[in-house]
Amino acid sequence: MNAPASETIGVVGAGAWGTALAQMLASDGRSVRLWAYERELVETINTQHRNPLYLPGAELNPNIQATNDLGELSGLDIVLGVTPAQVLGRILADLPSDPRDLVLCSKGIEAGTGLLMNDVAKQACPQSQVAVLSGPTFAHEVAKGLPTAVTLACSGTEEQWQRLSPAIARPAFRPYYSDDVTGAEIGGAIKNVLAIACGVVDGLGLCQNARAALIARGMAEMERFGSALGAKAETLSGLSGMGDLVLTCTSTSSRNFSLGKALGEGAKASDLMADQRTVAEGAHTAPVLAALAKARDIAMPIVAAVEAILDGAAPDEVVAQLLARPLKREREG
């Protein structure tokens, strides 16, 4: 399953992140087969080399060939899964049942099951060896070839890393090895929820002190949850944890931050979610994450606050309740 530069890589999902990854992978002349849900988007990518729905303004490499048929990914040794988290399992189950390296780039926890994406993928594609790619990555910057570093967590031995790292690394896209798939996934899922909270703080006009405090206290929640599930502390303090958290909690380029900002300014979650072509994954992750934390008796008050706001609670009242919690040691909940 070696991957020379001439070998085609598959990407499942032609949203902003999937298209950006395809663009990055094609930058060294490699062929990329990009699966898109929308038939009309397939034609646009193949004939105009653009993705106006999800990555407008980017001129795509002609080495990217889009398809609406998952069967056309048959025989590819490396496939990246980049669909919204809540549909990943269903779509992967329709992939041809070939042995492959399956690199998960979706960030979230499956509603209804509470499963991390690697567990979802193992059920859908038991013949695949799963890896997780996660870190501070805005799609539009990756598509432009701007410097980016990520965690590439491999579920197998370092042999998988030796296969994948040369296939994925590019001069401006640098993966770092980890064997902690659980930690890489937890960081990517929880940071989306915390980014909503930081957006709420911004929308309420609570300024920089409050946001910095929320990031630090949110990191403590991530560490508590990760520890309970067996994640390594160094993973959560690295690119896929702290790195991704800082990026998405400080910029309106983050869909989750932008959602939270609109909520803080008075918009209703139902209105914001109803007409979004792009998905703010944190809105789907928050309720299942809060339920998992409650079931395991893990203190995650910020996550619970985001769930309450998404469920219709007034953001200023939720923040007041957070500030009124009993005083305690910093490393306590």
C-alpha atoms as a PDB file:
ATOM      1  CA  MET A   1       0.000   0.000   0.000  1.00  0.00           C
ATOM      2  CA  ASN A   2       2.830   2.411  -0.758  1.00  0.00           C
ATOM      3  CA  ALA A   3       1.769   5.687  -2.341  1.00  0.00           C
ATOM      4  CA  PRO A   4       4.131   7.020  -5.014  1.00  0.00           C
ATOM      5  CA  ALA A   5       3.543  10.501  -6.361  1.00  0.00           C
ATOM      6  CA  SER A   6       1.811   9.131  -9.452  1.00  0.00           C
ATOM      7  CA  GLU A   7      -0.855   7.317  -7.435  1.00  0.00           C
ATOM      8  CA  THR A   8      -4.358   8.703  -7.157  1.00  0.00           C
ATOM      9  CA  ILE A   9      -5.717   9.676  -3.754  1.00  0.00           C
ATOM     10  CA  GLY A  10      -9.456   9.745  -3.055  1.00  0.00           C
ATOM     11  CA  VAL A  11     -11.262  12.468  -1.140  1.00  0.00           C
ATOM     12  CA  VAL A  12     -14.841  11.840  -0.010  1.00  0.00           C
ATOM     13  CA  GLY A  13     -16.608  15.165   0.423  1.00  0.00           C
ATOM     14  CA  ALA A  14     -16.348  18.310  -1.703  1.00  0.00           C
ATOM     15  CA  GLY A  15     -17.175  20.888   0.920  1.00  0.00           C
ATOM     16  CA  ALA A  16     -14.681  23.653   1.672  1.00  0.00           C
ATOM     17  CA  TRP A  17     -12.352  21.401   3.675  1.00  0.00           C
ATOM     18  CA  GLY A  18     -12.504  18.441   1.309  1.00  0.00           C
ATOM     19  CA  THR A  19     -11.894  20.669  -1.715  1.00  0.00           C
ATOM     20  CA  ALA A  20      -9.000  22.411   0.033  1.00  0.00           C
ATOM     21  CA  LEU A  21      -7.400  19.071   0.865  1.00  0.00           C
ATOM     22  CA  ALA A  22      -7.839  17.917  -2.723  1.00  0.00           C
ATOM     23  CA  GLN A  23      -6.205  21.120  -3.925  1.00  0.00           C
ATOM     24  CA  MET A  24      -3.303  20.662  -1.518  1.00  0.00           C
ATOM     25  CA  LEU A  25      -2.798  17.017  -2.498  1.00  0.00           C
ATOM     26  CA  ALA A  26      -2.862  17.850  -6.219  1.00  0.00           C
ATOM     27  CA  SER A  27      -0.238  20.568  -5.827  1.00  0.00           C
ATOM     28  CA  ASP A  28       2.667  18.177  -6.516  1.00  0.00           C
ATOM     29  CA  GLY A  29       1.110  16.711  -9.663  1.00  0.00           C
ATOM     30  CA  ARG A  30      -0.721  13.866  -7.973  1.00  0.00           C
ATOM     31  CA  SER A  31      -4.144  12.874  -9.317  1.00  0.00           C
ATOM     32  CA  VAL A  32      -7.006  13.346  -6.860  1.00  0.00           C
ATOM     33  CA  ARG A  33     -10.457  11.826  -7.230  1.00  0.00           C
ATOM     34  CA  LEU A  34     -12.959  14.023  -5.370  1.00  0.00           C
ATOM     35  CA  TRP A  35     -16.411  12.660  -4.537  1.00  0.00           C
ATOM     36  CA  ALA A  36     -19.162  15.291  -4.375  1.00  0.00           C
ATOM     37  CA  TYR A  37     -22.768  14.801  -3.359  1.00  0.00           C
ATOM     38  CA  GLU A  38     -24.139  17.395  -5.800  1.00  0.00           C
ATOM     39  CA  ARG A  39     -24.135  16.253  -9.434  1.00  0.00           C
ATOM     40  CA  GLU A  40     -24.046  19.797 -10.748  1.00  0.00           C
ATOM     41  CA  LEU A  41     -20.979  20.517  -8.618  1.00  0.00           C
ATOM     42  CA  VAL A  42     -19.155  17.557 -10.169  1.00  0.00           C
ATOM     43  CA  GLU A  43     -19.608  19.053 -13.625  1.00  0.00           C
ATOM     44  CA  THR A  44     -18.494  22.505 -12.474  1.00  0.00           C
ATOM     45  CA  ILE A  45     -15.331  21.171 -10.858  1.00  0.00           C
ATOM     46  CA  ASN A  46     -14.419  19.083 -13.902  1.00  0.00           C
ATOM     47  CA  THR A  47     -15.168  21.691 -16.563  1.00  0.00           C
ATOM     48  CA  GLN A  48     -14.510  25.017 -14.838  1.00  0.00           C
ATOM     49  CA  HIS A  49     -12.096  23.890 -12.111  1.00  0.00           C
ATOM     50  CA  ARG A  50     -14.021  25.818  -9.470  1.00  0.00           C
ATOM     51  CA  ASN A  51     -16.183  25.034  -6.442  1.00  0.00           C
ATOM     52  CA  PRO A  52     -18.470  28.073  -6.194  1.00  0.00           C
ATOM     53  CA  LEU A  53     -20.711  26.419  -3.584  1.00  0.00           C
ATOM     54  CA  TYR A  54     -18.110  25.802  -0.895  1.00  0.00           C
ATOM     55  CA  LEU A  55     -14.768  27.337  -1.863  1.00  0.00           C
ATOM     56  CA  PRO A  56     -15.550  30.340  -4.064  1.00  0.00           C
ATOM     57  CA  GLY A  57     -12.651  32.210  -5.567  1.00  0.00           C
ATOM     58  CA  ALA A  58     -10.257  29.257  -5.644  1.00  0.00           C
ATOM     59  CA  GLU A  59      -8.974  28.077  -9.030  1.00  0.00           C
ATOM     60  CA  LEU A  60      -8.713  24.315  -8.678  1.00  0.00           C
ATOM     61  CA  ASN A  61      -5.912  22.163 -10.008  1.00  0.00           C
ATOM     62  CA  PRO A  62      -6.978  20.272 -13.160  1.00  0.00           C
ATOM     63  CA  ASN A  63      -5.515  17.113 -11.590  1.00  0.00           C
ATOM     64  CA  ILE A  64      -8.638  17.070  -9.413  1.00  0.00           C
ATOM     65  CA  GLN A  65     -11.320  14.939 -11.041  1.00  0.00           C
ATOM     66  CA  ALA A  66     -14.733  15.045  -9.383  1.00  0.00           C
ATOM     67  CA  THR A  67     -17.250  12.225  -9.360  1.00  0.00           C
ATOM     68  CA  ASN A  68     -20.690  11.505  -7.944  1.00  0.00           C
ATOM     69  CA  ASP A  69     -20.029   7.753  -7.909  1.00  0.00           C
ATOM     70  CA  LEU A  70     -18.301   6.294  -4.847  1.00  0.00           C
ATOM     71  CA  GLY A  71     -17.559   3.231  -6.964  1.00  0.00           C
ATOM     72  CA  GLU A  72     -14.938   5.278  -8.813  1.00  0.00           C
ATOM     73  CA  LEU A  73     -12.845   5.266  -5.627  1.00  0.00           C
ATOM     74  CA  SER A  74     -12.431   1.498  -5.912  1.00  0.00           C
ATOM     75  CA  GLY A  75      -8.849   0.321  -5.805  1.00  0.00           C
ATOM     76  CA  LEU A  76      -7.428   3.502  -4.243  1.00  0.00           C
ATOM     77  CA  ASP A  77      -4.993   2.780  -1.423  1.00  0.00           C
ATOM     78  CA  ILE A  78      -5.605   6.087   0.373  1.00  0.00           C
ATOM     79  CA  VAL A  79      -8.980   7.760   0.838  1.00  0.00           C
ATOM     80  CA  LEU A  80      -9.699  10.840   2.949  1.00  0.00           C
ATOM     81  CA  GLY A  81     -13.130  11.074   4.614  1.00  0.00           C
ATOM     82  CA  VAL A  82     -14.148  14.729   4.728  1.00  0.00           C
ATOM     83  CA  THR A  83     -17.947  14.735   4.908  1.00  0.00           C
ATOM     84  CA  PRO A  84     -19.955  16.365   7.721  1.00  0.00           C
ATOM     85  CA  ALA A  85     -19.528  14.216  10.817  1.00  0.00           C
ATOM     86  CA  GLN A  86     -23.185  13.257  11.115  1.00  0.00           C
ATOM     87  CA  VAL A  87     -23.312  11.597   7.675  1.00  0.00           C
ATOM     88  CA  LEU A  88     -19.806  10.146   7.592  1.00  0.00           C
ATOM     89  CA  GLY A  89     -20.795   6.598   8.578  1.00  0.00           C
ATOM     90  CA  ARG A  90     -23.615   6.363   6.067  1.00  0.00           C
ATOM     91  CA  ILE A  91     -21.450   7.570   3.192  1.00  0.00           C
ATOM     92  CA  LEU A  92     -18.416   5.473   4.086  1.00  0.00           C
ATOM     93  CA  ALA A  93     -20.623   2.377   4.227  1.00  0.00           C
ATOM     94  CA  ASP A  94     -21.212   2.840   0.482  1.00  0.00           C
ATOM     95  CA  LEU A  95     -17.498   2.857  -0.360  1.00  0.00           C
ATOM     96  CA  PRO A  96     -16.196  -0.172  -2.267  1.00  0.00           C
ATOM     97  CA  SER A  97     -14.986  -2.702   0.296  1.00  0.00           C
ATOM     98  CA  ASP A  98     -11.282  -2.553  -0.579  1.00  0.00           C
ATOM     99  CA  PRO A  99      -8.444  -2.672   1.956  1.00  0.00           C
ATOM    100  CA  ARG A 100      -7.096   0.862   2.254  1.00  0.00           C
ATOM    101  CA  ASP A 101      -5.789   3.579   4.527  1.00  0.00           C
ATOM    102  CA  LEU A 102      -8.813   5.659   5.491  1.00  0.00           C
ATOM    103  CA  VAL A 103      -7.837   9.097   6.786  1.00  0.00           C
ATOM    104  CA  LEU A 104     -10.626  10.800   8.722  1.00  0.00           C
ATOM    105  CA  CYS A 105     -10.736  14.586   8.465  1.00  0.00           C
ATOM    106  CA  SER A 106     -14.265  15.134   9.846  1.00  0.00           C
ATOM    107  CA  LYS A 107     -14.505  16.553  13.367  1.00  0.00           C
ATOM    108  CA  GLY A 108     -17.385  15.621  15.628  1.00  0.00           C
ATOM    109  CA  ILE A 109     -19.201  12.978  17.647  1.00  0.00           C
ATOM    110  CA  GLU A 110     -22.035  10.999  16.099  1.00  0.00           C
ATOM    111  CA  ALA A 111     -25.421  11.957  17.518  1.00  0.00           C
ATOM    112  CA  GLY A 112     -27.473   9.034  18.745  1.00  0.00           C
ATOM    113  CA  THR A 113     -24.496   6.716  19.264  1.00  0.00           C
ATOM    114  CA  GLY A 114     -21.965   8.993  20.960  1.00  0.00           C
ATOM    115  CA  LEU A 115     -19.235   7.435  18.815  1.00  0.00           C
ATOM    116  CA  LEU A 116     -16.075   9.204  17.739  1.00  0.00           C
ATOM    117  CA  MET A 117     -15.475   9.237  13.996  1.00  0.00           C
ATOM    118  CA  ASN A 118     -12.840   6.491  14.088  1.00  0.00           C
ATOM    119  CA  ASP A 119     -15.334   4.122  15.721  1.00  0.00           C
ATOM    120  CA  VAL A 120     -17.971   5.105  13.165  1.00  0.00           C
ATOM    121  CA  ALA A 121     -15.498   4.430  10.349  1.00  0.00           C
ATOM    122  CA  LYS A 122     -14.418   1.073  11.749  1.00  0.00           C
ATOM    123  CA  GLN A 123     -18.030  -0.070  11.739  1.00  0.00           C
ATOM    124  CA  ALA A 124     -18.675   1.240   8.225  1.00  0.00           C
ATOM    125  CA  CYS A 125     -15.358   0.111   6.707  1.00  0.00           C
ATOM    126  CA  PRO A 126     -13.954  -2.783   8.744  1.00  0.00           C
ATOM    127  CA  GLN A 127     -11.508  -3.597   5.967  1.00  0.00           C
ATOM    128  CA  SER A 128      -9.795  -0.182   6.259  1.00  0.00           C
ATOM    129  CA  GLN A 129      -6.958   0.906   8.529  1.00  0.00           C
ATOM    130  CA  VAL A 130      -8.051   4.189  10.062  1.00  0.00           C
ATOM    131  CA  ALA A 131      -6.003   7.329  10.668  1.00  0.00           C
ATOM    132  CA  VAL A 132      -7.072  10.803  11.791  1.00  0.00           C
ATOM    133  CA  LEU A 133      -5.885  14.119  10.366  1.00  0.00           C
ATOM    134  CA  SER A 134      -6.671  17.074  12.604  1.00  0.00           C
ATOM    135  CA  GLY A 135      -5.283  20.449  13.597  1.00  0.00           C
ATOM    136  CA  PRO A 136      -5.581  24.217  13.091  1.00  0.00           C
ATOM    137  CA  THR A 137      -6.722  24.325   9.466  1.00  0.00           C
ATOM    138  CA  PHE A 138      -8.852  26.963   7.811  1.00  0.00           C
ATOM    139  CA  ALA A 139      -9.782  25.573   4.402  1.00  0.00           C
ATOM    140  CA  HIS A 140      -9.197  28.757   2.418  1.00  0.00           C
ATOM    141  CA  GLU A 141      -5.624  29.042   3.736  1.00  0.00           C
ATOM    142  CA  VAL A 142      -4.788  25.410   2.937  1.00  0.00           C
ATOM    143  CA  ALA A 143      -6.212  25.867  -0.562  1.00  0.00           C
ATOM    144  CA  LYS A 144      -3.905  28.868  -1.082  1.00  0.00           C
ATOM    145  CA  GLY A 145      -0.871  26.830  -0.056  1.00  0.00           C
ATOM    146  CA  LEU A 146      -0.223  28.811   3.125  1.00  0.00           C
ATOM    147  CA  PRO A 147       1.884  27.119   5.844  1.00  0.00           C
ATOM    148  CA  THR A 148      -0.118  24.622   7.893  1.00  0.00           C
ATOM    149  CA  ALA A 149       0.817  21.969  10.462  1.00  0.00           C
ATOM    150  CA  VAL A 150      -1.444  19.100  11.515  1.00  0.00           C
ATOM    151  CA  THR A 151      -1.527  15.958  13.614  1.00  0.00           C
ATOM    152  CA  LEU A 152      -1.688  12.690  11.685  1.00  0.00           C
ATOM    153  CA  ALA A 153      -2.747  10.078  14.216  1.00  0.00           C
ATOM    154  CA  CYS A 154      -2.382   6.474  13.048  1.00  0.00           C
ATOM    155  CA  SER A 155      -4.355   3.609  14.547  1.00  0.00           C
ATOM    156  CA  GLY A 156      -1.858   0.971  13.466  1.00  0.00           C
ATOM    157  CA  THR A 157       1.887   0.831  13.888  1.00  0.00           C
ATOM    158  CA  GLU A 158       4.346   3.409  12.621  1.00  0.00           C
ATOM    159  CA  GLU A 159       4.237   1.483   9.350  1.00  0.00           C
ATOM    160  CA  GLN A 160       0.992   3.289   8.540  1.00  0.00           C
ATOM    161  CA  TRP A 161       2.676   6.622   9.211  1.00  0.00           C
ATOM    162  CA  GLN A 162       5.499   5.629   6.873  1.00  0.00           C
ATOM    163  CA  ARG A 163       2.912   5.006   4.140  1.00  0.00           C
ATOM    164  CA  LEU A 164       0.786   8.075   4.734  1.00  0.00           C
ATOM    165  CA  SER A 165       3.177  10.857   5.641  1.00  0.00           C
ATOM    166  CA  PRO A 166       4.963  11.088   2.255  1.00  0.00           C
ATOM    167  CA  ALA A 167       1.626  10.840   0.461  1.00  0.00           C
ATOM    168  CA  ILE A 168       0.073  13.698   2.442  1.00  0.00           C
ATOM    169  CA  ALA A 169       2.974  16.016   3.277  1.00  0.00           C
ATOM    170  CA  ARG A 170       3.636  18.986   1.015  1.00  0.00           C
ATOM    171  CA  PRO A 171       6.146  21.850   1.355  1.00  0.00           C
ATOM    172  CA  ALA A 172       3.529  24.034   3.087  1.00  0.00           C
ATOM    173  CA  PHE A 173       1.509  21.215   4.691  1.00  0.00           C
ATOM    174  CA  ARG A 174       3.382  19.485   7.492  1.00  0.00           C
ATOM    175  CA  PRO A 175       1.949  16.462   9.352  1.00  0.00           C
ATOM    176  CA  TYR A 176       3.275  15.381  12.756  1.00  0.00           C
ATOM    177  CA  TYR A 177       2.993  11.768  13.890  1.00  0.00           C
ATOM    178  CA  SER A 178       0.830  10.579  16.771  1.00  0.00           C
ATOM    179  CA  ASP A 179      -0.428   7.160  17.820  1.00  0.00           C
ATOM    180  CA  ASP A 180      -3.275   8.729  19.825  1.00  0.00           C
ATOM    181  CA  VAL A 181      -6.305   8.570  17.530  1.00  0.00           C
ATOM    182  CA  THR A 182      -8.721   9.153  20.416  1.00  0.00           C
ATOM    183  CA  GLY A 183      -6.933  12.301  21.574  1.00  0.00           C
ATOM    184  CA  ALA A 184      -6.750  13.754  18.076  1.00  0.00           C
ATOM    185  CA  GLU A 185     -10.479  13.213  17.611  1.00  0.00           C
ATOM    186  CA  ILE A 186     -11.482  14.574  21.006  1.00  0.00           C
ATOM    187  CA  GLY A 187      -9.550  17.783  20.413  1.00  0.00           C
ATOM    188  CA  GLY A 188     -11.171  18.341  17.031  1.00  0.00           C
ATOM    189  CA  ALA A 189     -14.684  17.659  18.300  1.00  0.00           C
ATOM    190  CA  ILE A 190     -14.616  19.667  21.534  1.00  0.00           C
ATOM    191  CA  LYS A 191     -12.906  22.738  20.086  1.00  0.00           C
ATOM    192  CA  ASN A 192     -15.924  23.251  17.803  1.00  0.00           C
ATOM    193  CA  VAL A 193     -18.230  23.532  20.814  1.00  0.00           C
ATOM    194  CA  LEU A 194     -15.838  25.855  22.636  1.00  0.00           C
ATOM    195  CA  ALA A 195     -15.564  28.030  19.510  1.00  0.00           C
ATOM    196  CA  ILE A 196     -19.335  28.569  19.677  1.00  0.00           C
ATOM    197  CA  ALA A 197     -18.918  29.684  23.295  1.00  0.00           C
ATOM    198  CA  CYS A 198     -16.177  32.132  22.319  1.00  0.00           C
ATOM    199  CA  GLY A 199     -18.375  33.498  19.556  1.00  0.00           C
ATOM    200  CA  VAL A 200     -21.162  34.063  22.084  1.00  0.00           C
ATOM    201  CA  VAL A 201     -18.736  36.000  24.286  1.00  0.00           C
ATOM    202  CA  ASP A 202     -17.785  38.147  21.293  1.00  0.00           C
ATOM    203  CA  GLY A 203     -21.410  38.678  20.297  1.00  0.00           C
ATOM    204  CA  LEU A 204     -22.272  39.812  23.822  1.00  0.00           C
ATOM    205  CA  GLY A 205     -19.410  42.316  23.759  1.00  0.00           C
ATOM    206  CA  LEU A 206     -17.620  40.773  26.752  1.00  0.00           C
ATOM    207  CA  CYS A 207     -14.193  41.453  25.200  1.00  0.00           C
ATOM    208  CA  GLN A 208     -10.761  39.852  25.335  1.00  0.00           C
ATOM    209  CA  ASN A 209     -10.347  38.990  29.023  1.00  0.00           C
ATOM    210  CA  ALA A 210     -13.501  36.880  28.955  1.00  0.00           C
ATOM    211  CA  ARG A 211     -12.499  35.106  25.750  1.00  0.00           C
ATOM    212  CA  ALA A 212      -9.024  34.265  27.057  1.00  0.00           C
ATOM    213  CA  ALA A 213     -10.522  32.918  30.271  1.00  0.00           C
ATOM    214  CA  LEU A 214     -13.021  30.844  28.315  1.00  0.00           C
ATOM    215  CA  ILE A 215     -10.306  29.323  26.118  1.00  0.00           C
ATOM    216  CA  ALA A 216      -8.272  28.343  29.190  1.00  0.00           C
ATOM    217  CA  ARG A 217     -11.261  26.942  31.075  1.00  0.00           C
ATOM    218  CA  GLY A 218     -12.444  25.211  27.925  1.00  0.00           C
ATOM    219  CA  MET A 219      -9.044  23.593  27.575  1.00  0.00           C
ATOM    220  CA  ALA A 220      -9.452  22.232  31.101  1.00  0.00           C
ATOM    221  CA  GLU A 221     -12.778  20.684  30.078  1.00  0.00           C
ATOM    222  CA  MET A 222     -11.149  19.123  27.021  1.00  0.00           C
ATOM    223  CA  GLU A 223      -8.406  17.650  29.210  1.00  0.00           C
ATOM    224  CA  ARG A 224     -10.888  16.201  31.708  1.00  0.00           C
ATOM    225  CA  PHE A 225     -12.973  14.586  28.990  1.00  0.00           C
ATOM    226  CA  GLY A 226      -9.913  13.333  27.137  1.00  0.00           C
ATOM    227  CA  SER A 227      -8.415  11.813  30.259  1.00  0.00           C
ATOM    228  CA  ALA A 228     -11.640   9.924  30.955  1.00  0.00           C
ATOM    229  CA  LEU A 229     -11.535   8.403  27.455  1.00  0.00           C
ATOM    230  CA  GLY A 230      -7.842   7.548  27.520  1.00  0.00           C
ATOM    231  CA  ALA A 231      -6.451  10.413  25.437  1.00  0.00           C
ATOM    232  CA  LYS A 232      -2.872  11.498  25.996  1.00  0.00           C
ATOM    233  CA  ALA A 233      -2.232  14.904  27.574  1.00  0.00           C
ATOM    234  CA  GLU A 234       0.448  15.741  24.999  1.00  0.00           C
ATOM    235  CA  THR A 235      -2.046  15.202  22.181  1.00  0.00           C
ATOM    236  CA  LEU A 236      -4.547  17.619  23.679  1.00  0.00           C
ATOM    237  CA  SER A 237      -1.828  20.223  24.262  1.00  0.00           C
ATOM    238  CA  GLY A 238      -0.647  19.856  20.668  1.00  0.00           C
ATOM    239  CA  LEU A 239      -1.873  20.822  17.220  1.00  0.00           C
ATOM    240  CA  SER A 240      -5.128  18.839  17.261  1.00  0.00           C
ATOM    241  CA  GLY A 241      -6.080  20.158  20.709  1.00  0.00           C
ATOM    242  CA  MET A 242      -4.735  23.510  21.841  1.00  0.00           C
ATOM    243  CA  GLY A 243      -3.640  24.532  18.338  1.00  0.00           C
ATOM    244  CA  ASP A 244      -7.055  23.985  16.790  1.00  0.00           C
ATOM    245  CA  LEU A 245      -8.793  25.466  19.834  1.00  0.00           C
ATOM    246  CA  VAL A 246      -6.895  28.754  19.610  1.00  0.00           C
ATOM    247  CA  LEU A 247      -7.513  29.097  15.867  1.00  0.00           C
ATOM    248  CA  THR A 248     -11.252  28.463  15.920  1.00  0.00           C
ATOM    249  CA  CYS A 249     -11.901  30.475  19.080  1.00  0.00           C
ATOM    250  CA  THR A 250     -10.366  33.680  17.756  1.00  0.00           C
ATOM    251  CA  SER A 251     -11.597  34.191  14.188  1.00  0.00           C
ATOM    252  CA  THR A 252     -14.849  34.759  12.334  1.00  0.00           C
ATOM    253  CA  SER A 253     -13.395  32.499   9.630  1.00  0.00           C
ATOM    254  CA  SER A 254     -14.527  29.708  11.949  1.00  0.00           C
ATOM    255  CA  ARG A 255     -18.111  28.658  11.193  1.00  0.00           C
ATOM    256  CA  ASN A 256     -18.578  27.686  14.833  1.00  0.00           C
ATOM    257  CA  PHE A 257     -17.287  31.015  16.134  1.00  0.00           C
ATOM    258  CA  SER A 258     -19.509  32.878  13.663  1.00  0.00           C
ATOM    259  CA  LEU A 259     -22.532  30.865  14.794  1.00  0.00           C
ATOM    260  CA  GLY A 260     -21.820  31.699  18.413  1.00  0.00           C
ATOM    261  CA  LYS A 261     -21.297  35.373  17.622  1.00  0.00           C
ATOM    262  CA  ALA A 262     -24.690  35.533  15.917  1.00  0.00           C
ATOM    263  CA  LEU A 263     -26.289  33.804  18.924  1.00  0.00           C
ATOM    264  CA  GLY A 264     -24.677  36.322  21.261  1.00  0.00           C
ATOM    265  CA  GLU A 265     -26.060  39.136  19.125  1.00  0.00           C
ATOM    266  CA  GLY A 266     -29.588  37.776  19.548  1.00  0.00           C
ATOM    267  CA  ALA A 267     -30.179  35.433  16.607  1.00  0.00           C
ATOM    268  CA  LYS A 268     -32.017  32.154  17.144  1.00  0.00           C
ATOM    269  CA  ALA A 269     -30.159  28.899  16.661  1.00  0.00           C
ATOM    270  CA  SER A 270     -33.025  27.381  14.664  1.00  0.00           C
ATOM    271  CA  ASP A 271     -32.919  30.259  12.167  1.00  0.00           C
ATOM    272  CA  LEU A 272     -29.138  30.140  11.842  1.00  0.00           C
ATOM    273  CA  MET A 273     -29.040  26.381  11.270  1.00  0.00           C
ATOM    274  CA  ALA A 274     -31.981  26.212   8.877  1.00  0.00           C
ATOM    275  CA  ASP A 275     -30.338  27.985   5.966  1.00  0.00           C
ATOM    276  CA  GLN A 276     -26.694  26.985   6.283  1.00  0.00           C
ATOM    277  CA  ARG A 277     -25.129  25.190   3.364  1.00  0.00           C
ATOM    278  CA  THR A 278     -21.940  24.819   5.380  1.00  0.00           C
ATOM    279  CA  VAL A 279     -22.129  22.970   8.690  1.00  0.00           C
ATOM    280  CA  ALA A 280     -21.138  24.309  12.113  1.00  0.00           C
ATOM    281  CA  GLU A 281     -20.228  20.915  13.549  1.00  0.00           C
ATOM    282  CA  GLY A 282     -20.190  22.175  17.130  1.00  0.00           C
ATOM    283  CA  ALA A 283     -23.963  22.664  17.090  1.00  0.00           C
ATOM    284  CA  HIS A 284     -24.428  18.932  16.491  1.00  0.00           C
ATOM    285  CA  THR A 285     -21.638  17.896  18.855  1.00  0.00           C
ATOM    286  CA  ALA A 286     -22.688  20.005  21.861  1.00  0.00           C
ATOM    287  CA  PRO A 287     -25.762  18.023  22.969  1.00  0.00           C
ATOM    288  CA  VAL A 288     -24.162  14.589  22.560  1.00  0.00           C
ATOM    289  CA  LEU A 289     -20.961  15.777  24.255  1.00  0.00           C
ATOM    290  CA  ALA A 290     -22.939  17.227  27.158  1.00  0.00           C
ATOM    291  CA  ALA A 291     -24.827  13.939  27.527  1.00  0.00           C
ATOM    292  CA  LEU A 292     -21.615  11.910  27.497  1.00  0.00           C
ATOM    293  CA  ALA A 293     -20.047  14.192  30.098  1.00  0.00           C
ATOM    294  CA  LYS A 294     -23.088  13.931  32.339  1.00  0.00           C
ATOM    295  CA  ALA A 295     -23.179  10.141  32.050  1.00  0.00           C
ATOM    296  CA  ARG A 296     -19.503   9.938  33.032  1.00  0.00           C
ATOM    297  CA  ASP A 297     -19.786  12.632  35.731  1.00  0.00           C
ATOM    298  CA  ILE A 298     -17.246  14.866  33.953  1.00  0.00           C
ATOM    299  CA  ALA A 299     -17.571  18.566  34.792  1.00  0.00           C
ATOM    300  CA  MET A 300     -18.000  20.483  31.513  1.00  0.00           C
ATOM    301  CA  PRO A 301     -19.955  23.621  32.393  1.00  0.00           C
ATOM    302  CA  ILE A 302     -19.007  25.526  29.244  1.00  0.00           C
ATOM    303  CA  VAL A 303     -20.197  22.676  27.029  1.00  0.00           C
ATOM    304  CA  ALA A 304     -23.442  22.527  29.027  1.00  0.00           C
ATOM    305  CA  ALA A 305     -23.839  26.277  28.597  1.00  0.00           C
ATOM    306  CA  VAL A 306     -23.466  26.008  24.810  1.00  0.00           C
ATOM    307  CA  GLU A 307     -26.053  23.242  24.741  1.00  0.00           C
ATOM    308  CA  ALA A 308     -28.467  25.451  26.714  1.00  0.00           C
ATOM    309  CA  ILE A 309     -27.980  28.410  24.376  1.00  0.00           C
ATOM    310  CA  LEU A 310     -28.497  26.247  21.300  1.00  0.00           C
ATOM    311  CA  ASP A 311     -31.670  24.981  22.964  1.00  0.00           C
ATOM    312  CA  GLY A 312     -32.992  28.535  23.277  1.00  0.00           C
ATOM    313  CA  ALA A 313     -31.682  29.866  26.595  1.00  0.00           C
ATOM    314  CA  ALA A 314     -30.752  33.554  26.678  1.00  0.00           C
ATOM    315  CA  PRO A 315     -26.965  33.874  26.248  1.00  0.00           C
ATOM    316  CA  ASP A 316     -26.569  36.680  28.803  1.00  0.00           C
ATOM    317  CA  GLU A 317     -28.434  34.656  31.430  1.00  0.00           C
ATOM    318  CA  VAL A 318     -26.339  31.548  30.726  1.00  0.00           C
ATOM    319  CA  VAL A 319     -23.122  33.563  31.072  1.00  0.00           C
ATOM    320  CA  ALA A 320     -24.382  35.040  34.357  1.00  0.00           C
ATOM    321  CA  GLN A 321     -25.008  31.526  35.656  1.00  0.00           C
ATOM    322  CA  LEU A 322     -21.484  30.475  34.699  1.00  0.00           C
ATOM    323  CA  LEU A 323     -20.019  33.458  36.552  1.00  0.00           C
ATOM    324  CA  ALA A 324     -22.134  32.700  39.630  1.00  0.00           C
ATOM    325  CA  ARG A 325     -20.772  29.161  40.044  1.00  0.00           C
ATOM    326  CA  PRO A 326     -19.035  28.431  43.394  1.00  0.00           C
ATOM    327  CA  LEU A 327     -15.374  29.459  43.633  1.00  0.00           C
ATOM    328  CA  LYS A 328     -12.898  26.580  43.538  1.00  0.00           C
ATOM    329  CA  ARG A 329      -9.360  25.505  42.629  1.00  0.00           C
ATOM    330  CA  GLU A 330      -8.391  26.226  39.042  1.00  0.00           C
ATOM    331  CA  ARG A 331      -7.986  22.597  38.004  1.00  0.00           C
ATOM    332  CA  GLU A 332     -11.357  21.630  39.405  1.00  0.00           C
ATOM    333  CA  GLY A 333     -14.535  21.737  37.339  1.00  0.00           C
END
